[in-house]
Amino acid sequence: MGAKTWELSVISSNRQKRLANAVRPDSNTHLKRLNPVRLYPMLVCFLRESLLDITDIILAMFCDYWQQMINKAKKSLDIY
C-alpha cells in the first residue's frame, strides 16, 4: 500500500501515536460509526505505526536468530 511513503509530517509524531493507539482496541462496528473525516486520519496513522512496529519486531527476531547462529558457530568452533 506504500505506507512507508505516506507524507504524515503535518501530524506530530506524538499525535500519530495517539491516533494509532485510539484505533487498536476498537471494534469494526465502532469504527464504522465514526465520521470519515475523523476515521481516515486515525486509520492512516494506525497503518503507519503498525508498519513501524512490525518492522521493529522482524528486526528483533532477525537479531535474535543471528545471535543464536553466532553462539552455535562459536560452540562448534570450540568443539572442533
N, C-alpha and C. Protein backbone atom coordinates (compact mmCIF):
# COMPACT_ATOMS: atom_id res chain seq x y z
N MET A 1 0.82 -1.20 0.00
CA MET A 1 0.00 0.00 0.00
C MET A 1 0.86 1.25 0.00
N GLY A 2 2.16 1.10 0.20
CA GLY A 2 3.04 2.26 0.18
C GLY A 2 3.00 3.09 1.43
N ALA A 3 2.69 2.47 2.57
CA ALA A 3 2.58 3.22 3.83
C ALA A 3 3.87 3.91 4.21
N LYS A 4 5.00 3.34 3.81
CA LYS A 4 6.28 3.96 4.18
C LYS A 4 6.52 5.27 3.44
N THR A 5 5.80 5.51 2.35
CA THR A 5 5.99 6.74 1.59
C THR A 5 4.93 7.80 1.87
N TRP A 6 3.97 7.48 2.74
CA TRP A 6 2.91 8.44 3.05
C TRP A 6 3.50 9.63 3.77
N GLU A 7 3.07 10.80 3.37
CA GLU A 7 3.54 12.05 3.97
C GLU A 7 2.67 12.39 5.18
N LEU A 8 3.20 12.21 6.36
CA LEU A 8 2.45 12.49 7.59
C LEU A 8 3.11 13.57 8.42
N SER A 9 3.92 14.40 7.79
CA SER A 9 4.65 15.43 8.54
C SER A 9 3.73 16.51 9.11
N VAL A 10 2.52 16.63 8.59
CA VAL A 10 1.59 17.64 9.12
C VAL A 10 1.04 17.23 10.48
N ILE A 11 1.18 15.94 10.82
CA ILE A 11 0.72 15.44 12.11
C ILE A 11 1.95 15.13 12.94
N SER A 12 2.00 15.66 14.15
CA SER A 12 3.16 15.41 15.00
C SER A 12 3.25 13.92 15.33
N SER A 13 4.46 13.46 15.64
CA SER A 13 4.66 12.04 15.89
C SER A 13 3.89 11.56 17.13
N ASN A 14 3.79 12.41 18.14
CA ASN A 14 3.01 12.04 19.33
C ASN A 14 1.53 11.90 18.99
N ARG A 15 1.05 12.80 18.16
CA ARG A 15 -0.36 12.74 17.73
C ARG A 15 -0.61 11.49 16.90
N GLN A 16 0.33 11.14 16.04
CA GLN A 16 0.20 9.93 15.24
C GLN A 16 0.08 8.70 16.13
N LYS A 17 0.91 8.64 17.16
CA LYS A 17 0.86 7.50 18.08
C LYS A 17 -0.45 7.47 18.85
N ARG A 18 -0.93 8.63 19.27
CA ARG A 18 -2.21 8.67 19.99
C ARG A 18 -3.36 8.23 19.10
N LEU A 19 -3.36 8.68 17.86
CA LEU A 19 -4.43 8.27 16.94
C LEU A 19 -4.36 6.77 16.67
N ALA A 20 -3.15 6.25 16.47
CA ALA A 20 -2.99 4.82 16.22
C ALA A 20 -3.45 4.00 17.43
N ASN A 21 -3.09 4.45 18.61
CA ASN A 21 -3.49 3.72 19.82
C ASN A 21 -4.99 3.83 20.09
N ALA A 22 -5.62 4.87 19.58
CA ALA A 22 -7.07 5.00 19.74
C ALA A 22 -7.81 3.99 18.88
N VAL A 23 -7.21 3.59 17.76
CA VAL A 23 -7.87 2.66 16.84
C VAL A 23 -7.64 1.21 17.25
N ARG A 24 -6.49 0.89 17.82
CA ARG A 24 -6.12 -0.50 18.11
C ARG A 24 -7.20 -1.29 18.85
N PRO A 25 -7.72 -0.82 19.97
CA PRO A 25 -8.69 -1.65 20.71
C PRO A 25 -10.12 -1.58 20.18
N ASP A 26 -10.40 -0.70 19.24
CA ASP A 26 -11.77 -0.52 18.77
C ASP A 26 -12.22 -1.67 17.87
N SER A 27 -13.51 -1.93 17.93
CA SER A 27 -14.09 -2.96 17.06
C SER A 27 -14.48 -2.33 15.72
N ASN A 28 -14.74 -3.19 14.76
CA ASN A 28 -15.15 -2.70 13.44
C ASN A 28 -16.46 -1.93 13.50
N THR A 29 -17.38 -2.41 14.32
CA THR A 29 -18.67 -1.72 14.41
C THR A 29 -18.51 -0.31 14.96
N HIS A 30 -17.62 -0.14 15.93
CA HIS A 30 -17.39 1.20 16.47
C HIS A 30 -16.73 2.08 15.42
N LEU A 31 -15.77 1.53 14.69
CA LEU A 31 -15.08 2.32 13.66
C LEU A 31 -16.03 2.72 12.53
N LYS A 32 -16.98 1.86 12.20
CA LYS A 32 -17.93 2.17 11.14
C LYS A 32 -18.82 3.36 11.52
N ARG A 33 -19.05 3.55 12.81
CA ARG A 33 -19.90 4.63 13.27
C ARG A 33 -19.21 5.99 13.27
N LEU A 34 -17.89 5.99 13.18
CA LEU A 34 -17.15 7.26 13.21
C LEU A 34 -17.31 8.03 11.90
N ASN A 35 -17.23 9.33 12.02
CA ASN A 35 -17.28 10.21 10.87
C ASN A 35 -16.02 9.98 10.03
N PRO A 36 -16.14 9.84 8.70
CA PRO A 36 -14.96 9.59 7.86
C PRO A 36 -13.86 10.65 8.01
N VAL A 37 -14.24 11.88 8.29
CA VAL A 37 -13.24 12.94 8.47
C VAL A 37 -12.36 12.63 9.68
N ARG A 38 -12.93 11.99 10.66
CA ARG A 38 -12.18 11.62 11.86
C ARG A 38 -11.54 10.23 11.72
N LEU A 39 -12.23 9.34 11.02
CA LEU A 39 -11.79 7.95 10.92
C LEU A 39 -10.53 7.77 10.07
N TYR A 40 -10.50 8.38 8.90
CA TYR A 40 -9.40 8.12 7.97
C TYR A 40 -8.03 8.56 8.48
N PRO A 41 -7.90 9.71 9.11
CA PRO A 41 -6.58 10.03 9.70
C PRO A 41 -6.17 9.02 10.77
N MET A 42 -7.14 8.54 11.54
CA MET A 42 -6.83 7.54 12.56
C MET A 42 -6.34 6.25 11.92
N LEU A 43 -6.99 5.82 10.86
CA LEU A 43 -6.59 4.58 10.18
C LEU A 43 -5.24 4.71 9.50
N VAL A 44 -4.98 5.87 8.89
CA VAL A 44 -3.69 6.10 8.25
C VAL A 44 -2.58 6.05 9.30
N CYS A 45 -2.78 6.69 10.43
CA CYS A 45 -1.78 6.66 11.49
C CYS A 45 -1.62 5.25 12.05
N PHE A 46 -2.72 4.53 12.17
CA PHE A 46 -2.66 3.15 12.65
C PHE A 46 -1.83 2.28 11.71
N LEU A 47 -2.07 2.40 10.41
CA LEU A 47 -1.31 1.61 9.45
C LEU A 47 0.17 1.97 9.46
N ARG A 48 0.46 3.25 9.54
CA ARG A 48 1.85 3.69 9.57
C ARG A 48 2.57 3.18 10.83
N GLU A 49 1.92 3.31 11.98
CA GLU A 49 2.52 2.83 13.23
C GLU A 49 2.65 1.31 13.23
N SER A 50 1.68 0.62 12.65
CA SER A 50 1.76 -0.83 12.56
C SER A 50 2.93 -1.25 11.69
N LEU A 51 3.16 -0.54 10.60
CA LEU A 51 4.31 -0.83 9.74
C LEU A 51 5.60 -0.68 10.54
N LEU A 52 5.73 0.38 11.30
CA LEU A 52 6.93 0.60 12.10
C LEU A 52 7.08 -0.47 13.18
N ASP A 53 5.98 -0.81 13.85
CA ASP A 53 6.03 -1.82 14.91
C ASP A 53 6.41 -3.19 14.36
N ILE A 54 5.80 -3.57 13.25
CA ILE A 54 6.08 -4.88 12.65
C ILE A 54 7.52 -4.94 12.16
N THR A 55 8.00 -3.84 11.58
CA THR A 55 9.40 -3.80 11.14
C THR A 55 10.34 -3.96 12.31
N ASP A 56 10.06 -3.30 13.42
CA ASP A 56 10.89 -3.43 14.62
C ASP A 56 10.88 -4.87 15.14
N ILE A 57 9.71 -5.50 15.15
CA ILE A 57 9.60 -6.87 15.63
C ILE A 57 10.40 -7.82 14.74
N ILE A 58 10.29 -7.64 13.43
CA ILE A 58 11.02 -8.50 12.49
C ILE A 58 12.52 -8.32 12.66
N LEU A 59 12.98 -7.09 12.83
CA LEU A 59 14.40 -6.85 13.03
C LEU A 59 14.89 -7.46 14.34
N ALA A 60 14.09 -7.39 15.39
CA ALA A 60 14.46 -8.01 16.66
C ALA A 60 14.53 -9.52 16.53
N MET A 61 13.58 -10.10 15.78
CA MET A 61 13.61 -11.55 15.55
C MET A 61 14.86 -11.95 14.77
N PHE A 62 15.21 -11.19 13.76
CA PHE A 62 16.40 -11.48 12.97
C PHE A 62 17.65 -11.35 13.82
N CYS A 63 17.70 -10.34 14.66
CA CYS A 63 18.85 -10.13 15.54
C CYS A 63 19.01 -11.31 16.50
N ASP A 64 17.89 -11.78 17.07
CA ASP A 64 17.93 -12.94 17.96
C ASP A 64 18.40 -14.18 17.21
N TYR A 65 17.89 -14.38 16.00
CA TYR A 65 18.30 -15.52 15.18
C TYR A 65 19.79 -15.44 14.87
N TRP A 66 20.26 -14.26 14.49
CA TRP A 66 21.67 -14.07 14.17
C TRP A 66 22.55 -14.37 15.38
N GLN A 67 22.12 -13.92 16.55
CA GLN A 67 22.88 -14.18 17.78
C GLN A 67 22.92 -15.67 18.09
N GLN A 68 21.83 -16.37 17.87
CA GLN A 68 21.79 -17.82 18.08
C GLN A 68 22.76 -18.52 17.13
N MET A 69 22.80 -18.10 15.88
CA MET A 69 23.70 -18.71 14.91
C MET A 69 25.17 -18.45 15.28
N ILE A 70 25.47 -17.25 15.75
CA ILE A 70 26.84 -16.93 16.17
C ILE A 70 27.23 -17.80 17.37
N ASN A 71 26.34 -17.94 18.34
CA ASN A 71 26.63 -18.77 19.51
C ASN A 71 26.82 -20.23 19.12
N LYS A 72 25.99 -20.70 18.19
CA LYS A 72 26.11 -22.07 17.71
C LYS A 72 27.44 -22.28 16.99
N ALA A 73 27.83 -21.31 16.17
CA ALA A 73 29.10 -21.40 15.45
C ALA A 73 30.28 -21.37 16.42
N LYS A 74 30.22 -20.53 17.45
CA LYS A 74 31.29 -20.47 18.45
C LYS A 74 31.41 -21.80 19.18
N LYS A 75 30.26 -22.38 19.53
CA LYS A 75 30.26 -23.66 20.23
C LYS A 75 30.86 -24.75 19.34
N SER A 76 30.49 -24.75 18.06
CA SER A 76 31.05 -25.72 17.12
C SER A 76 32.55 -25.53 16.96
N LEU A 77 33.00 -24.28 16.92
CA LEU A 77 34.42 -24.00 16.80
C LEU A 77 35.18 -24.47 18.04
N ASP A 78 34.61 -24.24 19.21
CA ASP A 78 35.24 -24.70 20.44
C ASP A 78 35.36 -26.23 20.47
N ILE A 79 34.33 -26.90 20.03
CA ILE A 79 34.35 -28.36 20.00
C ILE A 79 35.39 -28.85 18.99
N TYR A 80 35.48 -28.18 17.86
CA TYR A 80 36.43 -28.57 16.82
C TYR A 80 37.86 -28.41 17.33
